[in-house]
Amino acid sequence: MKTNPHIISLAEAATMTHAFQDATQFQGMTVACLLDNNAYQQVMTQPGCTGVRTYFALDDTNKLTIVVVGVDSLGNDITSGIILDRAYMCPAMCPINSDLMK
């Protein structure tokens, strides 16, 4: 079975997220975005979708957010399909107990 190159350890993930949260240039910014499983499933099950791309974006209040779009086998965004935003933002909707938060 081929190893998935996208899978990392909790230690790696914590080091990366803590570095972002500690970086002075990102203080006071969004640290995480939550989208529900059903939303991702709708993107991933579109005809021809082989992956998901996440764009960093600014919402209408100039806060950091994400835009999620399906990707086809040629690496093209499926912009005629389902596109996600309206994520639950942290802060305010932060996990209560996560090793990824400082």
C-alpha atoms as a PDB file:
ATOM      1  CA  MET A   1       0.000   0.000   0.000  1.00  0.00           C
ATOM      2  CA  LYS A   2       1.325   3.426  -0.980  1.00  0.00           C
ATOM      3  CA  THR A   3       1.919   5.890   1.853  1.00  0.00           C
ATOM      4  CA  ASN A   4      -0.127   9.094   1.681  1.00  0.00           C
ATOM      5  CA  PRO A   5       2.355  12.020   1.483  1.00  0.00           C
ATOM      6  CA  HIS A   6      -0.159  14.372   3.111  1.00  0.00           C
ATOM      7  CA  ILE A   7      -0.290  12.553   6.444  1.00  0.00           C
ATOM      8  CA  ILE A   8       1.892  14.051   9.193  1.00  0.00           C
ATOM      9  CA  SER A   9       2.350  13.258  12.862  1.00  0.00           C
ATOM     10  CA  LEU A  10       0.657  15.111  15.683  1.00  0.00           C
ATOM     11  CA  ALA A  11       4.085  16.408  16.773  1.00  0.00           C
ATOM     12  CA  GLU A  12       4.712  17.897  13.312  1.00  0.00           C
ATOM     13  CA  ALA A  13       1.219  19.387  13.195  1.00  0.00           C
ATOM     14  CA  ALA A  14       1.578  20.925  16.654  1.00  0.00           C
ATOM     15  CA  THR A  15       4.982  22.419  15.806  1.00  0.00           C
ATOM     16  CA  MET A  16       3.555  23.981  12.652  1.00  0.00           C
ATOM     17  CA  THR A  17       0.339  25.343  14.187  1.00  0.00           C
ATOM     18  CA  HIS A  18       2.130  26.653  17.271  1.00  0.00           C
ATOM     19  CA  ALA A  19       4.690  28.430  15.066  1.00  0.00           C
ATOM     20  CA  PHE A  20       1.850  30.195  13.242  1.00  0.00           C
ATOM     21  CA  GLN A  21       0.089  31.101  16.493  1.00  0.00           C
ATOM     22  CA  ASP A  22       3.352  32.462  17.972  1.00  0.00           C
ATOM     23  CA  ALA A  23       4.415  34.463  14.907  1.00  0.00           C
ATOM     24  CA  THR A  24       4.114  38.182  15.588  1.00  0.00           C
ATOM     25  CA  GLN A  25       2.832  38.961  12.092  1.00  0.00           C
ATOM     26  CA  PHE A  26      -0.203  36.701  12.649  1.00  0.00           C
ATOM     27  CA  GLN A  27      -1.200  37.835  16.154  1.00  0.00           C
ATOM     28  CA  GLY A  28      -4.930  38.465  16.428  1.00  0.00           C
ATOM     29  CA  MET A  29      -5.665  36.657  13.167  1.00  0.00           C
ATOM     30  CA  THR A  30      -7.761  33.577  12.473  1.00  0.00           C
ATOM     31  CA  VAL A  31      -5.893  30.433  13.530  1.00  0.00           C
ATOM     32  CA  ALA A  32      -8.335  27.785  12.325  1.00  0.00           C
ATOM     33  CA  CYS A  33     -11.437  27.327  10.194  1.00  0.00           C
ATOM     34  CA  LEU A  34     -14.037  24.578  10.604  1.00  0.00           C
ATOM     35  CA  LEU A  35     -16.249  23.209   7.832  1.00  0.00           C
ATOM     36  CA  ASP A  36     -18.521  20.250   8.406  1.00  0.00           C
ATOM     37  CA  ASN A  37     -17.951  16.810   6.912  1.00  0.00           C
ATOM     38  CA  ASN A  38     -21.017  17.057   4.678  1.00  0.00           C
ATOM     39  CA  ALA A  39     -19.674  20.209   3.017  1.00  0.00           C
ATOM     40  CA  TYR A  40     -16.362  18.524   2.155  1.00  0.00           C
ATOM     41  CA  GLN A  41     -18.191  15.401   0.970  1.00  0.00           C
ATOM     42  CA  GLN A  42     -20.259  17.495  -1.438  1.00  0.00           C
ATOM     43  CA  VAL A  43     -17.077  18.919  -2.937  1.00  0.00           C
ATOM     44  CA  MET A  44     -15.210  15.589  -3.061  1.00  0.00           C
ATOM     45  CA  THR A  45     -18.038  13.595  -4.626  1.00  0.00           C
ATOM     46  CA  GLN A  46     -18.527  15.937  -7.583  1.00  0.00           C
ATOM     47  CA  PRO A  47     -17.986  14.235 -10.960  1.00  0.00           C
ATOM     48  CA  GLY A  48     -14.301  14.407 -11.895  1.00  0.00           C
ATOM     49  CA  CYS A  49     -13.116  15.621  -8.488  1.00  0.00           C
ATOM     50  CA  THR A  50      -9.798  14.030  -7.493  1.00  0.00           C
ATOM     51  CA  GLY A  51      -8.689  16.465  -4.807  1.00  0.00           C
ATOM     52  CA  VAL A  52      -9.505  19.551  -2.782  1.00  0.00           C
ATOM     53  CA  ARG A  53      -7.710  22.893  -2.870  1.00  0.00           C
ATOM     54  CA  THR A  54      -7.902  25.402  -0.019  1.00  0.00           C
ATOM     55  CA  TYR A  55      -7.316  29.073  -0.724  1.00  0.00           C
ATOM     56  CA  PHE A  56      -6.602  31.616   1.965  1.00  0.00           C
ATOM     57  CA  ALA A  57      -9.011  34.517   1.592  1.00  0.00           C
ATOM     58  CA  LEU A  58     -10.377  37.585   3.341  1.00  0.00           C
ATOM     59  CA  ASP A  59     -14.043  37.778   4.279  1.00  0.00           C
ATOM     60  CA  ASP A  60     -16.189  40.909   4.024  1.00  0.00           C
ATOM     61  CA  THR A  61     -14.828  42.120   7.390  1.00  0.00           C
ATOM     62  CA  ASN A  62     -11.224  41.640   6.225  1.00  0.00           C
ATOM     63  CA  LYS A  63     -10.682  38.577   8.453  1.00  0.00           C
ATOM     64  CA  LEU A  64      -8.668  35.580   7.265  1.00  0.00           C
ATOM     65  CA  THR A  65     -10.841  32.711   6.026  1.00  0.00           C
ATOM     66  CA  ILE A  66     -10.655  29.868   3.524  1.00  0.00           C
ATOM     67  CA  VAL A  67     -12.287  29.080   0.206  1.00  0.00           C
ATOM     68  CA  VAL A  68     -12.406  25.382  -0.711  1.00  0.00           C
ATOM     69  CA  VAL A  69     -12.827  24.072  -4.246  1.00  0.00           C
ATOM     70  CA  GLY A  70     -12.646  20.656  -5.887  1.00  0.00           C
ATOM     71  CA  VAL A  71      -9.760  19.866  -8.244  1.00  0.00           C
ATOM     72  CA  ASP A  72      -9.834  17.644 -11.325  1.00  0.00           C
ATOM     73  CA  SER A  73      -7.245  15.103 -12.489  1.00  0.00           C
ATOM     74  CA  LEU A  74      -5.385  17.806 -14.440  1.00  0.00           C
ATOM     75  CA  GLY A  75      -5.011  19.985 -11.339  1.00  0.00           C
ATOM     76  CA  ASN A  76      -7.661  22.479 -12.436  1.00  0.00           C
ATOM     77  CA  ASP A  77     -10.098  24.026  -9.971  1.00  0.00           C
ATOM     78  CA  ILE A  78     -13.675  22.884 -10.528  1.00  0.00           C
ATOM     79  CA  THR A  79     -15.051  26.426 -10.361  1.00  0.00           C
ATOM     80  CA  SER A  80     -18.341  25.473 -12.005  1.00  0.00           C
ATOM     81  CA  GLY A  81     -19.115  23.174  -9.056  1.00  0.00           C
ATOM     82  CA  ILE A  82     -19.513  23.523  -5.319  1.00  0.00           C
ATOM     83  CA  ILE A  83     -17.251  26.082  -3.631  1.00  0.00           C
ATOM     84  CA  LEU A  84     -17.093  26.376   0.154  1.00  0.00           C
ATOM     85  CA  ASP A  85     -16.675  29.223   2.623  1.00  0.00           C
ATOM     86  CA  ARG A  86     -18.580  30.487   5.637  1.00  0.00           C
ATOM     87  CA  ALA A  87     -16.287  28.484   7.871  1.00  0.00           C
ATOM     88  CA  TYR A  88     -16.617  28.652  11.626  1.00  0.00           C
ATOM     89  CA  MET A  89     -13.641  30.735  12.667  1.00  0.00           C
ATOM     90  CA  CYS A  90     -11.243  30.402  15.590  1.00  0.00           C
ATOM     91  CA  PRO A  91     -11.263  32.655  17.382  1.00  0.00           C
ATOM     92  CA  ALA A  92     -14.377  32.564  18.337  1.00  0.00           C
ATOM     93  CA  MET A  93     -15.276  28.937  17.574  1.00  0.00           C
ATOM     94  CA  CYS A  94     -12.051  27.387  18.919  1.00  0.00           C
ATOM     95  CA  PRO A  95     -11.591  23.812  20.095  1.00  0.00           C
ATOM     96  CA  ILE A  96     -11.698  23.434  23.853  1.00  0.00           C
ATOM     97  CA  ASN A  97      -8.974  20.820  24.116  1.00  0.00           C
ATOM     98  CA  SER A  98      -6.582  20.408  21.184  1.00  0.00           C
ATOM     99  CA  ASP A  99      -2.853  19.794  21.033  1.00  0.00           C
ATOM    100  CA  LEU A 100      -2.830  22.055  17.979  1.00  0.00           C
ATOM    101  CA  MET A 101      -3.814  25.132  20.001  1.00  0.00           C
ATOM    102  CA  LYS A 102      -1.463  27.051  22.293  1.00  0.00           C
END
